Amino acid sequence: MEQSNAMKRDISEVREVTLSHVSPIHAAGPVIEPGNWAKNDPFLLMMEDQFQKGSFDIHPHRGMETVTYVISGQIEHYDTHSGEGGVLGPGDVQWMTAGSGVEHNEVPSEGVTAHSLQLWVNLPKVHKMTKPRYQNLKSEDMPIRQEEGATIKVFSGSSRDVVAPTQNYVPVTMVEMLIEPGYTVTQDLPGSYNGFMYVLEGSGTFGQNNVKASKGQVLTLGQGGSGESEIEVTAIQTLRVLLYAGEPIQEPVVARGPFVMNTEREITEAFSEYRQGTFLK
């Protein structure tokens, strides 16, 4: 095996994700907390939700993307304007580009408690008002990198020579790793990417500094330098982990509720258009 010259990344932070009851039918907790725009750029926030039908009302978005991963249960998504949507099951992802504006809802199927992760990805100024689109990424359709003792499913970006067909406005790598005890996976990333991992099942050691983490913990990737980088993951128990990493946009972020723009004026305009009924026109 050739020796890699890529910078080996450390883990800079580990945090436990705790869900709190929002209502009798909805519990939620932040995986990535909003407000740390520069640290997490291009990511804005990620929430973990356990919820039933009726937890969310129809709501709008503008200027960002949502990436929804279903851990368990089933979610029915619909857009009130275009009629687009779909049904997501365990292991499926929906990549929704809100762009200029969508009004939608995500509803667990009747009688089902859905467990999901939703990441918000910022859009650069040039694409804030792009036409909305939906990419339903079914688990069984995603390309796979197979290694001894490990399966890496590529939802976006690449893992070694395996490349996902997912379209991105901002370069983002999203992979799901399933690793058997005692095996190690090395994921390659541009050194400029910010990123994090979330442990869905099991336990392992992460990064060159061999940080231990287990189910329900989020790990922040350390800096990767100016060239290529890589992050090592070794399973202690059978490990299922999601990795998200992306190219920073380095633009001002003004976020209010469901809208993410570059200026206060743009936020005010979004709320005004929504109240006046011109938001989707």
Protein backbone atom coordinates (compact mmCIF):
# COMPACT_ATOMS: atom_id res chain seq x y z
CA MET A 1 0.00 0.00 0.00
CA GLU A 2 1.32 3.45 -0.95
CA GLN A 3 2.15 5.85 1.85
CA SER A 4 -0.24 8.82 1.83
CA ASN A 5 1.16 12.34 2.04
CA ALA A 6 -2.22 13.70 3.15
CA MET A 7 -2.40 15.49 6.49
CA LYS A 8 -3.93 13.25 9.16
CA ARG A 9 -6.66 15.06 11.00
CA ASP A 10 -7.29 15.12 14.73
CA ILE A 11 -10.64 15.37 16.48
CA SER A 12 -10.90 18.81 18.09
CA GLU A 13 -14.07 18.33 20.14
CA VAL A 14 -16.53 15.64 21.26
CA ARG A 15 -20.01 16.39 22.56
CA GLU A 16 -22.99 14.35 23.74
CA VAL A 17 -26.24 15.04 21.93
CA THR A 18 -29.19 15.29 24.32
CA LEU A 19 -32.81 15.33 23.18
CA SER A 20 -35.38 17.36 25.11
CA HIS A 21 -39.15 17.20 24.84
CA VAL A 22 -40.56 19.99 22.72
CA SER A 23 -44.06 18.54 23.02
CA PRO A 24 -45.61 15.17 23.93
CA ILE A 25 -45.01 14.03 20.32
CA HIS A 26 -41.66 15.68 19.61
CA ALA A 27 -38.18 15.47 21.16
CA ALA A 28 -35.22 17.32 19.67
CA GLY A 29 -31.59 18.18 20.31
CA PRO A 30 -28.85 20.11 18.49
CA VAL A 31 -26.07 18.09 16.88
CA ILE A 32 -24.61 21.30 15.44
CA GLU A 33 -25.74 24.42 17.29
CA PRO A 34 -26.63 27.51 15.24
CA GLY A 35 -24.63 30.71 15.56
CA ASN A 36 -21.11 29.31 15.15
CA TRP A 37 -21.11 30.37 11.51
CA ALA A 38 -17.35 30.60 10.88
CA LYS A 39 -16.50 27.44 12.83
CA ASN A 40 -19.04 25.26 11.01
CA ASP A 41 -19.10 26.98 7.60
CA PRO A 42 -20.74 25.92 5.23
CA PHE A 43 -22.97 24.16 7.76
CA LEU A 44 -25.50 26.20 9.72
CA LEU A 45 -27.03 23.72 12.15
CA MET A 46 -28.11 20.13 12.56
CA MET A 47 -31.03 18.89 14.63
CA GLU A 48 -31.85 15.38 15.75
CA ASP A 49 -35.60 14.82 15.98
CA GLN A 50 -37.89 12.08 17.21
CA PHE A 51 -41.38 13.09 16.19
CA GLN A 52 -44.88 12.05 15.18
CA LYS A 53 -47.41 13.48 12.76
CA GLY A 54 -48.49 16.94 13.90
CA SER A 55 -45.11 18.01 15.30
CA PHE A 56 -44.44 20.51 12.51
CA ASP A 57 -46.72 22.84 10.57
CA ILE A 58 -46.22 23.84 6.94
CA HIS A 59 -43.29 26.27 6.88
CA PRO A 60 -41.10 28.20 4.41
CA HIS A 61 -37.34 28.25 3.70
CA ARG A 62 -35.09 30.49 1.64
CA GLY A 63 -31.36 30.83 0.99
CA MET A 64 -30.21 27.40 2.20
CA GLU A 65 -30.47 23.63 1.79
CA THR A 66 -31.81 20.96 4.11
CA VAL A 67 -30.26 17.49 4.16
CA THR A 68 -32.57 15.05 5.96
CA TYR A 69 -31.34 11.59 6.96
CA VAL A 70 -33.86 9.08 8.32
CA ILE A 71 -32.47 6.96 11.17
CA SER A 72 -35.71 5.05 11.67
CA GLY A 73 -39.38 5.30 10.80
CA GLN A 74 -40.79 6.90 7.66
CA ILE A 75 -41.21 10.54 6.62
CA GLU A 76 -43.52 11.87 3.93
CA HIS A 77 -42.36 15.16 2.48
CA TYR A 78 -44.43 17.52 0.37
CA ASP A 79 -44.05 20.96 -1.19
CA THR A 80 -47.29 22.97 -1.21
CA HIS A 81 -46.24 24.99 -4.28
CA SER A 82 -44.63 22.58 -6.74
CA GLY A 83 -46.17 19.33 -5.56
CA GLU A 84 -42.73 17.76 -5.29
CA GLY A 85 -41.77 15.55 -2.39
CA GLY A 86 -41.34 11.89 -1.63
CA VAL A 87 -41.27 9.22 1.03
CA LEU A 88 -38.09 8.59 3.02
CA GLY A 89 -37.37 5.36 4.87
CA PRO A 90 -34.49 4.28 7.13
CA GLY A 91 -31.13 5.18 5.62
CA ASP A 92 -32.64 7.47 2.96
CA VAL A 93 -31.68 11.11 2.46
CA GLN A 94 -33.49 14.06 0.95
CA TRP A 95 -31.35 16.95 -0.27
CA MET A 96 -33.67 19.94 -0.62
CA THR A 97 -32.42 23.19 -2.10
CA ALA A 98 -34.76 25.92 -0.85
CA GLY A 99 -33.08 28.61 -2.95
CA SER A 100 -35.54 31.41 -3.74
CA GLY A 101 -38.21 29.80 -1.59
CA VAL A 102 -40.21 26.72 -0.75
CA GLU A 103 -43.16 26.09 1.52
CA HIS A 104 -43.22 22.52 2.71
CA ASN A 105 -43.68 20.05 5.53
CA GLU A 106 -42.12 16.79 6.68
CA VAL A 107 -44.64 14.42 8.24
CA PRO A 108 -44.09 10.96 9.72
CA SER A 109 -46.48 8.38 8.34
CA GLU A 110 -49.64 7.81 10.39
CA GLY A 111 -48.89 6.07 13.69
CA VAL A 112 -45.12 6.18 13.12
CA THR A 113 -42.47 7.85 15.28
CA ALA A 114 -39.74 9.07 12.94
CA HIS A 115 -36.13 9.54 14.06
CA SER A 116 -34.11 11.82 11.81
CA LEU A 117 -31.18 14.17 11.42
CA GLN A 118 -31.61 17.42 9.51
CA LEU A 119 -28.60 19.45 8.44
CA TRP A 120 -28.85 23.00 7.11
CA VAL A 121 -26.24 23.85 4.47
CA ASN A 122 -25.67 27.50 3.58
CA LEU A 123 -25.91 28.68 -0.02
CA PRO A 124 -23.42 31.23 -1.36
CA LYS A 125 -24.76 34.65 -2.30
CA VAL A 126 -24.71 33.86 -6.02
CA HIS A 127 -27.05 30.89 -5.45
CA LYS A 128 -29.28 32.23 -2.64
CA MET A 129 -32.19 32.79 -5.02
CA THR A 130 -31.66 29.77 -7.25
CA LYS A 131 -34.63 27.68 -8.36
CA PRO A 132 -35.66 25.16 -5.66
CA ARG A 133 -34.94 21.47 -6.28
CA TYR A 134 -35.25 18.11 -4.55
CA GLN A 135 -32.89 15.17 -4.68
CA ASN A 136 -34.28 12.02 -3.09
CA LEU A 137 -31.25 9.86 -2.34
CA LYS A 138 -32.47 6.33 -1.68
CA SER A 139 -30.07 4.27 0.42
CA GLU A 140 -30.09 1.31 -1.97
CA ASP A 141 -29.20 3.54 -4.94
CA MET A 142 -26.12 5.19 -3.47
CA PRO A 143 -22.63 4.16 -4.64
CA ILE A 144 -20.61 2.07 -2.19
CA ARG A 145 -16.91 1.84 -1.43
CA GLN A 146 -16.28 -1.66 -0.12
CA GLU A 147 -13.24 -2.35 2.08
CA GLU A 148 -12.31 -5.34 4.19
CA GLY A 149 -14.49 -5.10 7.30
CA ALA A 150 -16.17 -1.90 6.13
CA THR A 151 -18.84 -0.48 3.83
CA ILE A 152 -18.81 3.23 2.99
CA LYS A 153 -21.97 4.58 1.37
CA VAL A 154 -21.40 7.84 -0.51
CA PHE A 155 -24.39 10.22 -0.45
CA SER A 156 -22.48 13.27 -1.67
CA GLY A 157 -18.94 14.02 -2.80
CA SER A 158 -16.54 11.09 -2.86
CA SER A 159 -14.70 8.43 -0.88
CA ARG A 160 -11.47 7.45 -2.63
CA ASP A 161 -12.50 6.69 -6.21
CA VAL A 162 -16.23 6.28 -5.46
CA VAL A 163 -18.18 9.40 -6.45
CA ALA A 164 -21.84 10.21 -5.75
CA PRO A 165 -23.98 11.71 -8.54
CA THR A 166 -25.54 14.19 -6.09
CA GLN A 167 -25.55 17.79 -7.31
CA ASN A 168 -24.06 20.43 -4.99
CA TYR A 169 -23.94 24.21 -5.03
CA VAL A 170 -21.36 23.99 -2.26
CA PRO A 171 -18.89 21.06 -2.34
CA VAL A 172 -20.03 18.67 0.43
CA THR A 173 -18.91 15.15 1.28
CA MET A 174 -21.49 13.01 3.09
CA VAL A 175 -20.71 9.36 3.78
CA GLU A 176 -22.15 6.67 6.01
CA MET A 177 -19.61 4.19 7.36
CA LEU A 178 -20.44 0.74 8.67
CA ILE A 179 -17.30 -0.77 10.21
CA GLU A 180 -16.78 -4.13 11.89
CA PRO A 181 -14.88 -4.31 15.21
CA GLY A 182 -11.12 -3.98 14.82
CA TYR A 183 -11.19 -2.55 11.30
CA THR A 184 -10.12 0.94 10.22
CA VAL A 185 -11.47 3.24 7.50
CA THR A 186 -9.58 6.24 6.13
CA GLN A 187 -11.71 8.94 4.53
CA ASP A 188 -10.02 11.46 2.25
CA LEU A 189 -11.03 15.13 2.34
CA PRO A 190 -9.71 18.41 0.97
CA GLY A 191 -7.77 20.06 3.80
CA SER A 192 -9.89 23.22 3.50
CA TYR A 193 -13.13 21.41 4.41
CA ASN A 194 -14.78 21.89 7.79
CA GLY A 195 -16.54 18.79 9.06
CA PHE A 196 -17.96 16.60 11.78
CA MET A 197 -19.07 13.03 12.45
CA TYR A 198 -22.08 11.68 14.29
CA VAL A 199 -22.11 8.19 15.81
CA LEU A 200 -25.38 6.37 15.11
CA GLU A 201 -24.40 2.97 16.56
CA GLY A 202 -21.51 1.35 18.41
CA SER A 203 -18.19 2.90 19.40
CA GLY A 204 -14.74 3.55 18.04
CA THR A 205 -11.64 5.71 17.99
CA PHE A 206 -11.39 8.71 15.71
CA GLY A 207 -8.63 10.85 14.27
CA GLN A 208 -4.88 10.77 14.69
CA ASN A 209 -5.35 11.61 18.37
CA ASN A 210 -7.45 8.42 18.83
CA VAL A 211 -10.42 10.05 20.49
CA LYS A 212 -13.00 7.55 21.76
CA ALA A 213 -16.68 8.14 21.04
CA SER A 214 -19.90 6.15 21.03
CA LYS A 215 -23.55 6.30 20.01
CA GLY A 216 -25.10 9.73 20.39
CA GLN A 217 -21.86 11.72 20.27
CA VAL A 218 -20.77 14.28 17.68
CA LEU A 219 -17.10 14.82 16.84
CA THR A 220 -15.68 17.97 15.26
CA LEU A 221 -12.83 17.48 12.78
CA GLY A 222 -9.61 19.36 13.40
CA GLN A 223 -8.03 21.51 10.71
CA GLY A 224 -6.77 19.76 7.58
CA GLY A 225 -4.14 22.13 6.25
CA SER A 226 -3.84 23.56 2.74
CA GLY A 227 -3.59 20.34 0.72
CA GLU A 228 -5.25 16.96 0.99
CA SER A 229 -6.23 15.49 4.34
CA GLU A 230 -7.66 12.28 5.75
CA ILE A 231 -9.46 11.12 8.87
CA GLU A 232 -9.11 7.63 10.35
CA VAL A 233 -11.96 5.78 12.04
CA THR A 234 -11.48 2.46 13.88
CA ALA A 235 -14.39 0.41 15.22
CA ILE A 236 -14.31 -0.96 18.76
CA GLN A 237 -17.90 -2.22 18.60
CA THR A 238 -19.74 -2.51 15.28
CA LEU A 239 -19.75 1.13 14.25
CA ARG A 240 -22.20 3.13 12.15
CA VAL A 241 -21.19 6.74 11.70
CA LEU A 242 -22.10 9.63 9.43
CA LEU A 243 -19.44 12.05 8.21
CA TYR A 244 -20.25 15.49 6.81
CA ALA A 245 -17.59 17.87 5.48
CA GLY A 246 -17.75 20.88 3.17
CA GLU A 247 -15.97 23.83 1.63
CA PRO A 248 -16.40 27.06 3.65
CA ILE A 249 -18.25 29.86 1.85
CA GLN A 250 -16.75 32.69 3.94
CA GLU A 251 -19.66 35.08 3.50
CA PRO A 252 -21.80 36.99 6.01
CA VAL A 253 -24.64 34.96 7.52
CA VAL A 254 -27.90 36.53 8.68
CA ALA A 255 -30.36 33.88 9.85
CA ARG A 256 -33.87 34.47 11.17
CA GLY A 257 -36.20 31.54 11.63
CA PRO A 258 -36.39 29.59 8.35
CA PHE A 259 -34.52 32.15 6.23
CA VAL A 260 -30.74 32.40 5.77
CA MET A 261 -29.43 35.34 3.78
CA ASN A 262 -26.43 37.71 3.68
CA THR A 263 -28.03 40.92 4.97
CA GLU A 264 -30.76 42.07 7.36
CA ARG A 265 -32.52 43.74 4.44
CA GLU A 266 -32.80 40.42 2.58
CA ILE A 267 -34.27 38.78 5.69
CA THR A 268 -36.81 41.59 6.08
CA GLU A 269 -37.78 41.19 2.41
CA ALA A 270 -38.27 37.45 2.83
CA PHE A 271 -40.61 37.88 5.82
CA SER A 272 -42.49 40.69 4.04
CA GLU A 273 -42.99 38.59 0.90
CA TYR A 274 -44.16 35.65 2.98
CA ARG A 275 -46.75 37.77 4.83
CA GLN A 276 -47.96 39.37 1.57
CA GLY A 277 -48.33 36.04 -0.23
CA THR A 278 -45.70 36.82 -2.90
CA PHE A 279 -42.99 34.58 -1.46
CA LEU A 280 -43.32 31.77 -4.02
CA LYS A 281 -44.08 33.93 -7.08
